[in-house]
């Protein structure tokens, strides 16, 4: 990650390093991902930008971010798409490397990456080709459990 003066992230530089065009919206969207520290849905993104951005622009940006290894899809209780930042140097335009579980909170419906919980490695299941394995835990996040 590139830092500006005062330890602020240079979001335009992050986009450039990933080969993503640096429009004002995309720069603001990367900033939103880094500042939110959680996964985001398209609806949350639209609300954050007061519906001033076209939904197609949001989807195109998310596809570009995912294709370049900046974000990845995470599970949601309603089977909607949510997106979370990839860890630095974890992913690139050729592959995503997400060997971790996810946690979905029953109360706030947020999805959290569980970096310390590794998915088991499946080498072979006779008669099947495993392309992706998902490990999802559900319950109450720390904030909701306190309430």
N, C-alpha and C. Protein backbone atom coordinates (compact mmCIF):
# COMPACT_ATOMS: atom_id res chain seq x y z
N UNK A 1 0.84 -1.18 0.00
CA UNK A 1 0.00 0.00 0.00
C UNK A 1 0.88 1.24 0.00
N UNK A 2 0.52 2.18 -0.82
CA UNK A 2 1.25 3.43 -0.88
C UNK A 2 0.65 4.41 0.11
N UNK A 3 1.51 5.12 0.82
CA UNK A 3 1.05 6.10 1.80
C UNK A 3 1.36 7.51 1.30
N UNK A 4 0.43 8.40 1.52
CA UNK A 4 0.64 9.83 1.28
C UNK A 4 1.27 10.41 2.53
N UNK A 5 1.46 11.70 2.53
CA UNK A 5 1.89 12.39 3.75
C UNK A 5 0.87 12.12 4.85
N UNK A 6 1.30 12.14 6.08
CA UNK A 6 0.44 11.92 7.25
C UNK A 6 -0.13 10.52 7.31
N UNK A 7 0.50 9.53 6.65
CA UNK A 7 0.07 8.12 6.69
C UNK A 7 -1.30 7.87 6.08
N UNK A 8 -1.79 8.75 5.22
CA UNK A 8 -3.05 8.51 4.54
C UNK A 8 -2.78 7.66 3.30
N UNK A 9 -3.65 6.71 3.02
CA UNK A 9 -3.48 5.87 1.84
C UNK A 9 -3.66 6.69 0.58
N UNK A 10 -2.86 6.42 -0.42
CA UNK A 10 -3.01 7.07 -1.72
C UNK A 10 -3.85 6.13 -2.59
N UNK A 11 -5.14 6.36 -2.59
CA UNK A 11 -6.08 5.47 -3.28
C UNK A 11 -5.89 5.50 -4.79
N UNK A 12 -5.51 6.65 -5.34
CA UNK A 12 -5.25 6.74 -6.78
C UNK A 12 -4.06 5.85 -7.15
N UNK A 13 -3.06 5.80 -6.29
CA UNK A 13 -1.88 4.96 -6.54
C UNK A 13 -2.27 3.48 -6.46
N UNK A 14 -3.12 3.13 -5.52
CA UNK A 14 -3.59 1.74 -5.40
C UNK A 14 -4.27 1.31 -6.69
N UNK A 15 -5.13 2.18 -7.23
CA UNK A 15 -5.81 1.86 -8.50
C UNK A 15 -4.80 1.71 -9.63
N UNK A 16 -3.85 2.63 -9.71
CA UNK A 16 -2.83 2.57 -10.77
C UNK A 16 -2.02 1.29 -10.69
N UNK A 17 -1.61 0.91 -9.48
CA UNK A 17 -0.82 -0.31 -9.32
C UNK A 17 -1.58 -1.55 -9.77
N UNK A 18 -2.89 -1.54 -9.63
CA UNK A 18 -3.72 -2.68 -10.05
C UNK A 18 -4.12 -2.58 -11.52
N UNK A 19 -3.78 -1.46 -12.18
CA UNK A 19 -4.15 -1.29 -13.59
C UNK A 19 -5.60 -0.92 -13.79
N UNK A 20 -6.17 -0.23 -12.81
CA UNK A 20 -7.57 0.19 -12.86
C UNK A 20 -7.62 1.68 -13.15
N UNK A 21 -8.49 2.10 -14.08
CA UNK A 21 -8.58 3.53 -14.39
C UNK A 21 -9.00 4.32 -13.15
N UNK A 22 -8.39 5.49 -12.98
CA UNK A 22 -8.51 6.27 -11.76
C UNK A 22 -9.56 7.37 -11.89
N UNK A 23 -10.81 6.99 -12.01
CA UNK A 23 -11.86 8.00 -12.04
C UNK A 23 -12.12 8.48 -10.62
N UNK A 24 -12.78 9.61 -10.49
CA UNK A 24 -13.11 10.13 -9.16
C UNK A 24 -13.95 9.12 -8.39
N UNK A 25 -14.97 8.52 -9.04
CA UNK A 25 -15.82 7.56 -8.35
C UNK A 25 -15.01 6.36 -7.87
N UNK A 26 -14.16 5.80 -8.72
CA UNK A 26 -13.39 4.62 -8.33
C UNK A 26 -12.43 4.94 -7.18
N UNK A 27 -11.85 6.12 -7.20
CA UNK A 27 -10.99 6.54 -6.10
C UNK A 27 -11.79 6.64 -4.82
N UNK A 28 -12.98 7.25 -4.91
CA UNK A 28 -13.86 7.38 -3.74
C UNK A 28 -14.34 6.01 -3.27
N UNK A 29 -14.59 5.09 -4.20
CA UNK A 29 -15.06 3.75 -3.84
C UNK A 29 -13.96 2.97 -3.11
N UNK A 30 -12.73 3.05 -3.57
CA UNK A 30 -11.62 2.39 -2.87
C UNK A 30 -11.49 2.97 -1.46
N UNK A 31 -11.59 4.27 -1.36
CA UNK A 31 -11.54 4.94 -0.05
C UNK A 31 -12.65 4.39 0.85
N UNK A 32 -13.86 4.23 0.32
CA UNK A 32 -14.98 3.70 1.09
C UNK A 32 -14.69 2.29 1.59
N UNK A 33 -14.14 1.43 0.73
CA UNK A 33 -13.79 0.07 1.16
C UNK A 33 -12.78 0.10 2.30
N UNK A 34 -11.72 0.89 2.14
CA UNK A 34 -10.68 0.93 3.18
C UNK A 34 -11.19 1.54 4.48
N UNK A 35 -12.04 2.54 4.40
CA UNK A 35 -12.51 3.20 5.61
C UNK A 35 -13.63 2.44 6.31
N UNK A 36 -14.35 1.58 5.60
CA UNK A 36 -15.48 0.86 6.21
C UNK A 36 -15.04 -0.35 7.03
N UNK A 37 -13.92 -0.97 6.67
CA UNK A 37 -13.41 -2.16 7.39
C UNK A 37 -14.43 -3.28 7.46
N UNK A 38 -15.28 -3.41 6.47
CA UNK A 38 -16.26 -4.49 6.42
C UNK A 38 -16.59 -4.79 4.96
N UNK A 39 -17.34 -5.83 4.74
CA UNK A 39 -17.78 -6.11 3.39
C UNK A 39 -18.91 -5.15 3.02
N UNK A 40 -19.07 -4.91 1.74
CA UNK A 40 -20.08 -3.95 1.27
C UNK A 40 -20.95 -4.58 0.19
N UNK A 41 -22.22 -4.24 0.22
CA UNK A 41 -23.15 -4.66 -0.83
C UNK A 41 -23.32 -3.50 -1.81
N UNK A 42 -23.85 -3.79 -2.97
CA UNK A 42 -24.12 -2.74 -3.96
C UNK A 42 -25.07 -1.70 -3.37
N UNK A 43 -26.08 -2.16 -2.64
CA UNK A 43 -27.04 -1.22 -2.03
C UNK A 43 -26.36 -0.29 -1.03
N UNK A 44 -25.44 -0.82 -0.22
CA UNK A 44 -24.71 0.02 0.74
C UNK A 44 -23.85 1.05 0.01
N UNK A 45 -23.26 0.63 -1.09
CA UNK A 45 -22.44 1.56 -1.88
C UNK A 45 -23.32 2.67 -2.45
N UNK A 46 -24.46 2.29 -3.03
CA UNK A 46 -25.37 3.30 -3.59
C UNK A 46 -25.84 4.27 -2.51
N UNK A 47 -26.19 3.75 -1.33
CA UNK A 47 -26.64 4.63 -0.24
C UNK A 47 -25.51 5.55 0.22
N UNK A 48 -24.30 5.03 0.30
CA UNK A 48 -23.16 5.85 0.72
C UNK A 48 -22.96 7.04 -0.22
N UNK A 49 -23.17 6.81 -1.50
CA UNK A 49 -23.01 7.87 -2.49
C UNK A 49 -24.34 8.57 -2.79
N UNK A 50 -25.31 8.43 -1.88
CA UNK A 50 -26.62 9.09 -1.99
C UNK A 50 -27.30 8.85 -3.33
N UNK A 51 -27.13 7.65 -3.86
CA UNK A 51 -27.72 7.27 -5.15
C UNK A 51 -27.36 8.25 -6.26
N UNK A 52 -26.23 8.94 -6.11
CA UNK A 52 -25.78 9.88 -7.14
C UNK A 52 -25.01 9.17 -8.25
N UNK A 53 -24.68 7.90 -8.02
CA UNK A 53 -23.94 7.11 -9.00
C UNK A 53 -24.87 6.07 -9.60
N UNK A 54 -24.78 5.92 -10.89
CA UNK A 54 -25.57 4.94 -11.63
C UNK A 54 -25.20 3.53 -11.16
N UNK A 55 -26.20 2.67 -10.98
CA UNK A 55 -25.96 1.29 -10.53
C UNK A 55 -25.03 0.54 -11.49
N UNK A 56 -25.15 0.81 -12.78
CA UNK A 56 -24.29 0.15 -13.77
C UNK A 56 -22.83 0.55 -13.54
N UNK A 57 -22.59 1.81 -13.20
CA UNK A 57 -21.23 2.27 -12.91
C UNK A 57 -20.67 1.55 -11.70
N UNK A 58 -21.50 1.34 -10.69
CA UNK A 58 -21.07 0.62 -9.49
C UNK A 58 -20.69 -0.81 -9.86
N UNK A 59 -21.56 -1.50 -10.59
CA UNK A 59 -21.28 -2.89 -10.97
C UNK A 59 -20.02 -2.99 -11.83
N UNK A 60 -19.87 -2.09 -12.79
CA UNK A 60 -18.67 -2.12 -13.64
C UNK A 60 -17.41 -1.92 -12.82
N UNK A 61 -17.47 -1.02 -11.87
CA UNK A 61 -16.31 -0.76 -11.02
C UNK A 61 -15.99 -1.99 -10.17
N UNK A 62 -17.03 -2.62 -9.60
CA UNK A 62 -16.83 -3.80 -8.77
C UNK A 62 -16.24 -4.95 -9.59
N UNK A 63 -16.73 -5.14 -10.80
CA UNK A 63 -16.19 -6.19 -11.68
C UNK A 63 -14.72 -5.90 -11.99
N UNK A 64 -14.41 -4.65 -12.29
CA UNK A 64 -13.03 -4.28 -12.56
C UNK A 64 -12.15 -4.51 -11.34
N UNK A 65 -12.61 -4.10 -10.17
CA UNK A 65 -11.86 -4.30 -8.93
C UNK A 65 -11.62 -5.78 -8.67
N UNK A 66 -12.65 -6.59 -8.89
CA UNK A 66 -12.50 -8.03 -8.65
C UNK A 66 -11.56 -8.67 -9.67
N UNK A 67 -11.72 -8.30 -10.94
CA UNK A 67 -10.86 -8.86 -11.98
C UNK A 67 -9.39 -8.51 -11.79
N UNK A 68 -9.12 -7.40 -11.14
CA UNK A 68 -7.74 -6.96 -10.93
C UNK A 68 -7.19 -7.38 -9.56
N UNK A 69 -7.98 -8.12 -8.76
CA UNK A 69 -7.49 -8.64 -7.49
C UNK A 69 -7.53 -7.65 -6.35
N UNK A 70 -8.39 -6.64 -6.44
CA UNK A 70 -8.51 -5.66 -5.36
C UNK A 70 -9.57 -6.06 -4.33
N UNK A 71 -10.66 -6.68 -4.79
CA UNK A 71 -11.74 -7.11 -3.90
C UNK A 71 -12.12 -8.55 -4.26
N UNK A 72 -12.88 -9.18 -3.35
CA UNK A 72 -13.41 -10.51 -3.62
C UNK A 72 -14.84 -10.59 -3.10
N UNK A 73 -15.59 -11.54 -3.62
CA UNK A 73 -16.98 -11.75 -3.20
C UNK A 73 -16.98 -12.51 -1.88
N UNK A 74 -17.94 -12.16 -1.03
CA UNK A 74 -18.12 -12.86 0.24
C UNK A 74 -19.59 -13.24 0.40
N UNK A 75 -19.88 -14.27 1.20
CA UNK A 75 -21.26 -14.72 1.36
C UNK A 75 -22.12 -13.73 2.15
N UNK A 76 -23.42 -13.88 1.98
CA UNK A 76 -24.40 -13.01 2.63
C UNK A 76 -25.59 -13.88 3.05
N UNK A 77 -26.28 -13.49 4.11
CA UNK A 77 -27.41 -14.30 4.59
C UNK A 77 -28.54 -14.39 3.57
N UNK A 78 -28.67 -13.40 2.73
CA UNK A 78 -29.76 -13.39 1.74
C UNK A 78 -29.30 -13.79 0.35
N UNK A 79 -28.13 -14.41 0.27
CA UNK A 79 -27.53 -14.81 -1.01
C UNK A 79 -27.32 -13.64 -1.96
N UNK A 80 -27.14 -12.44 -1.40
CA UNK A 80 -26.78 -11.28 -2.20
C UNK A 80 -25.26 -11.20 -2.26
N UNK A 81 -24.74 -10.52 -3.26
CA UNK A 81 -23.30 -10.36 -3.36
C UNK A 81 -22.82 -9.26 -2.42
N UNK A 82 -21.77 -9.56 -1.71
CA UNK A 82 -21.07 -8.58 -0.90
C UNK A 82 -19.61 -8.65 -1.34
N UNK A 83 -18.90 -7.59 -1.12
CA UNK A 83 -17.51 -7.50 -1.57
C UNK A 83 -16.63 -7.04 -0.43
N UNK A 84 -15.43 -7.60 -0.37
CA UNK A 84 -14.47 -7.25 0.67
C UNK A 84 -13.11 -7.06 0.03
N UNK A 85 -12.29 -6.22 0.64
CA UNK A 85 -10.94 -6.00 0.12
C UNK A 85 -10.10 -7.27 0.22
N UNK A 86 -9.29 -7.49 -0.78
CA UNK A 86 -8.29 -8.55 -0.71
C UNK A 86 -7.12 -8.01 0.10
N UNK A 87 -6.48 -8.87 0.84
CA UNK A 87 -5.29 -8.45 1.57
C UNK A 87 -4.20 -8.09 0.57
N UNK A 88 -3.30 -7.23 1.00
CA UNK A 88 -2.22 -6.78 0.13
C UNK A 88 -1.41 -7.97 -0.37
N UNK A 89 -1.16 -8.00 -1.66
CA UNK A 89 -0.38 -9.03 -2.35
C UNK A 89 -1.00 -10.42 -2.26
N UNK A 90 -2.26 -10.53 -1.86
CA UNK A 90 -2.94 -11.82 -1.76
C UNK A 90 -3.48 -12.25 -3.13
N UNK A 91 -3.94 -11.29 -3.90
CA UNK A 91 -4.62 -11.59 -5.16
C UNK A 91 -4.06 -10.71 -6.28
N UNK A 92 -4.29 -11.16 -7.50
CA UNK A 92 -3.90 -10.36 -8.67
C UNK A 92 -4.90 -10.62 -9.78
N UNK A 93 -4.61 -10.12 -10.97
CA UNK A 93 -5.56 -10.26 -12.07
C UNK A 93 -5.67 -11.69 -12.57
N UNK A 94 -4.74 -12.55 -12.20
CA UNK A 94 -4.79 -13.95 -12.65
C UNK A 94 -5.46 -14.88 -11.66
N UNK A 95 -5.40 -14.53 -10.36
CA UNK A 95 -5.99 -15.45 -9.39
C UNK A 95 -6.29 -14.74 -8.06
N UNK A 96 -7.27 -15.30 -7.39
CA UNK A 96 -7.61 -14.88 -6.03
C UNK A 96 -7.18 -16.01 -5.10
N UNK A 97 -6.60 -15.66 -3.98
CA UNK A 97 -6.13 -16.65 -3.03
C UNK A 97 -6.77 -16.35 -1.68
N UNK A 98 -7.94 -16.94 -1.45
CA UNK A 98 -8.68 -16.68 -0.22
C UNK A 98 -8.90 -17.97 0.54
N UNK A 99 -7.93 -18.31 1.33
CA UNK A 99 -8.03 -19.51 2.13
C UNK A 99 -8.42 -19.12 3.55
N UNK A 100 -9.61 -18.53 3.67
CA UNK A 100 -10.10 -18.16 5.01
C UNK A 100 -11.61 -18.28 5.06
N UNK A 101 -12.11 -18.37 6.28
CA UNK A 101 -13.55 -18.47 6.48
C UNK A 101 -14.21 -17.10 6.56
N UNK A 102 -15.51 -17.12 6.64
CA UNK A 102 -16.30 -15.89 6.79
C UNK A 102 -17.29 -16.08 7.94
N UNK A 103 -17.66 -14.98 8.55
CA UNK A 103 -18.63 -14.99 9.64
C UNK A 103 -19.77 -14.07 9.28
N UNK A 104 -21.01 -14.56 9.40
CA UNK A 104 -22.20 -13.76 9.12
C UNK A 104 -22.96 -13.57 10.43
N UNK A 105 -23.22 -12.32 10.77
CA UNK A 105 -23.93 -11.99 12.01
C UNK A 105 -25.44 -12.04 11.79
N UNK A 106 -26.14 -12.76 12.66
CA UNK A 106 -27.59 -12.86 12.58
C UNK A 106 -28.28 -11.53 12.82
N UNK A 107 -27.69 -10.68 13.62
CA UNK A 107 -28.35 -9.43 14.01
C UNK A 107 -28.13 -8.30 13.00
N UNK A 108 -26.88 -7.98 12.71
CA UNK A 108 -26.59 -6.85 11.81
C UNK A 108 -26.43 -7.29 10.35
N UNK A 109 -26.41 -8.59 10.10
CA UNK A 109 -26.27 -9.15 8.75
C UNK A 109 -24.96 -8.81 8.06
N UNK A 110 -23.96 -8.39 8.83
CA UNK A 110 -22.65 -8.10 8.25
C UNK A 110 -21.89 -9.40 8.03
N UNK A 111 -21.01 -9.37 7.03
CA UNK A 111 -20.12 -10.50 6.75
C UNK A 111 -18.70 -10.06 7.04
N UNK A 112 -17.98 -10.85 7.82
CA UNK A 112 -16.61 -10.53 8.21
C UNK A 112 -15.68 -11.62 7.71
N UNK A 113 -14.51 -11.23 7.20
CA UNK A 113 -13.48 -12.20 6.82
C UNK A 113 -12.80 -12.69 8.09
N UNK A 114 -12.63 -13.98 8.20
CA UNK A 114 -11.93 -14.60 9.34
C UNK A 114 -10.57 -15.05 8.86
N UNK A 115 -9.63 -14.12 8.83
CA UNK A 115 -8.30 -14.41 8.29
C UNK A 115 -7.61 -15.54 9.05
N UNK A 116 -7.86 -15.67 10.34
CA UNK A 116 -7.21 -16.69 11.15
C UNK A 116 -7.85 -18.06 11.04
N UNK A 117 -8.97 -18.18 10.35
CA UNK A 117 -9.66 -19.47 10.20
C UNK A 117 -9.45 -19.93 8.76
N UNK A 118 -8.60 -20.91 8.59
CA UNK A 118 -8.25 -21.40 7.26
C UNK A 118 -9.20 -22.50 6.82
N UNK A 119 -9.56 -22.47 5.54
CA UNK A 119 -10.40 -23.51 4.96
C UNK A 119 -9.57 -24.78 4.81
N UNK A 120 -10.18 -25.94 5.04
CA UNK A 120 -9.41 -27.19 4.86
C UNK A 120 -9.07 -27.38 3.39
N UNK A 121 -7.95 -28.01 3.15
CA UNK A 121 -7.53 -28.27 1.78
C UNK A 121 -8.15 -29.58 1.31
N UNK A 122 -8.89 -29.50 0.24
CA UNK A 122 -9.51 -30.68 -0.37
C UNK A 122 -8.65 -31.05 -1.58
N UNK A 123 -8.00 -32.19 -1.49
CA UNK A 123 -7.13 -32.60 -2.58
C UNK A 123 -7.94 -33.29 -3.68
N UNK A 124 -8.79 -34.22 -3.27
CA UNK A 124 -9.55 -34.96 -4.28
C UNK A 124 -10.79 -35.56 -3.65
N UNK A 125 -11.89 -35.45 -4.36
CA UNK A 125 -13.11 -36.15 -4.00
C UNK A 125 -13.48 -36.96 -5.25
N UNK A 126 -13.49 -38.25 -5.12
CA UNK A 126 -13.70 -39.11 -6.28
C UNK A 126 -14.98 -38.73 -7.04
N UNK A 127 -14.80 -38.50 -8.33
CA UNK A 127 -15.93 -38.19 -9.19
C UNK A 127 -16.30 -36.71 -9.22
N UNK A 128 -15.56 -35.86 -8.51
CA UNK A 128 -15.88 -34.43 -8.47
C UNK A 128 -14.62 -33.60 -8.68
N UNK A 129 -14.80 -32.45 -9.27
CA UNK A 129 -13.74 -31.47 -9.38
C UNK A 129 -14.13 -30.27 -8.53
N UNK A 130 -13.44 -30.06 -7.43
CA UNK A 130 -13.75 -28.96 -6.51
C UNK A 130 -13.06 -27.71 -7.02
N UNK A 131 -13.85 -26.72 -7.37
CA UNK A 131 -13.30 -25.45 -7.84
C UNK A 131 -13.17 -24.45 -6.70
N UNK A 132 -14.10 -24.50 -5.76
CA UNK A 132 -14.09 -23.55 -4.67
C UNK A 132 -14.70 -24.18 -3.43
N UNK A 133 -14.13 -23.88 -2.28
CA UNK A 133 -14.64 -24.37 -1.01
C UNK A 133 -14.92 -23.16 -0.13
N UNK A 134 -16.10 -23.09 0.44
CA UNK A 134 -16.48 -21.96 1.29
C UNK A 134 -16.70 -22.45 2.71
N UNK A 135 -16.13 -21.71 3.66
CA UNK A 135 -16.30 -21.99 5.07
C UNK A 135 -16.99 -20.78 5.70
N UNK A 136 -18.21 -20.97 6.17
CA UNK A 136 -18.98 -19.86 6.72
C UNK A 136 -19.49 -20.22 8.11
N UNK A 137 -19.20 -19.34 9.06
CA UNK A 137 -19.72 -19.48 10.42
C UNK A 137 -20.81 -18.42 10.59
N UNK A 138 -21.82 -18.73 11.39
CA UNK A 138 -22.91 -17.79 11.63
C UNK A 138 -23.18 -17.67 13.11
N UNK A 139 -23.63 -16.51 13.53
CA UNK A 139 -23.92 -16.25 14.94
C UNK A 139 -24.05 -14.77 15.17
N UNK A 140 -23.44 -14.25 16.24
CA UNK A 140 -23.52 -12.83 16.58
C UNK A 140 -22.11 -12.25 16.66
N UNK A 141 -21.89 -11.14 15.97
CA UNK A 141 -20.59 -10.48 16.02
C UNK A 141 -20.39 -9.88 17.41
N UNK A 142 -19.17 -9.44 17.70
CA UNK A 142 -18.87 -8.90 19.03
C UNK A 142 -19.76 -7.71 19.38
N UNK A 143 -20.00 -6.84 18.42
CA UNK A 143 -20.82 -5.65 18.70
C UNK A 143 -22.27 -6.04 19.03
N UNK A 144 -22.85 -6.93 18.25
CA UNK A 144 -24.25 -7.32 18.47
C UNK A 144 -24.41 -8.21 19.71
N UNK A 145 -23.41 -9.03 20.01
CA UNK A 145 -23.47 -9.91 21.16
C UNK A 145 -23.50 -9.12 22.46
N UNK A 146 -22.84 -7.96 22.46
CA UNK A 146 -22.82 -7.10 23.65
C UNK A 146 -24.19 -6.50 23.94
N UNK A 147 -24.95 -6.27 22.87
CA UNK A 147 -26.25 -5.59 23.03
C UNK A 147 -27.30 -6.54 23.46
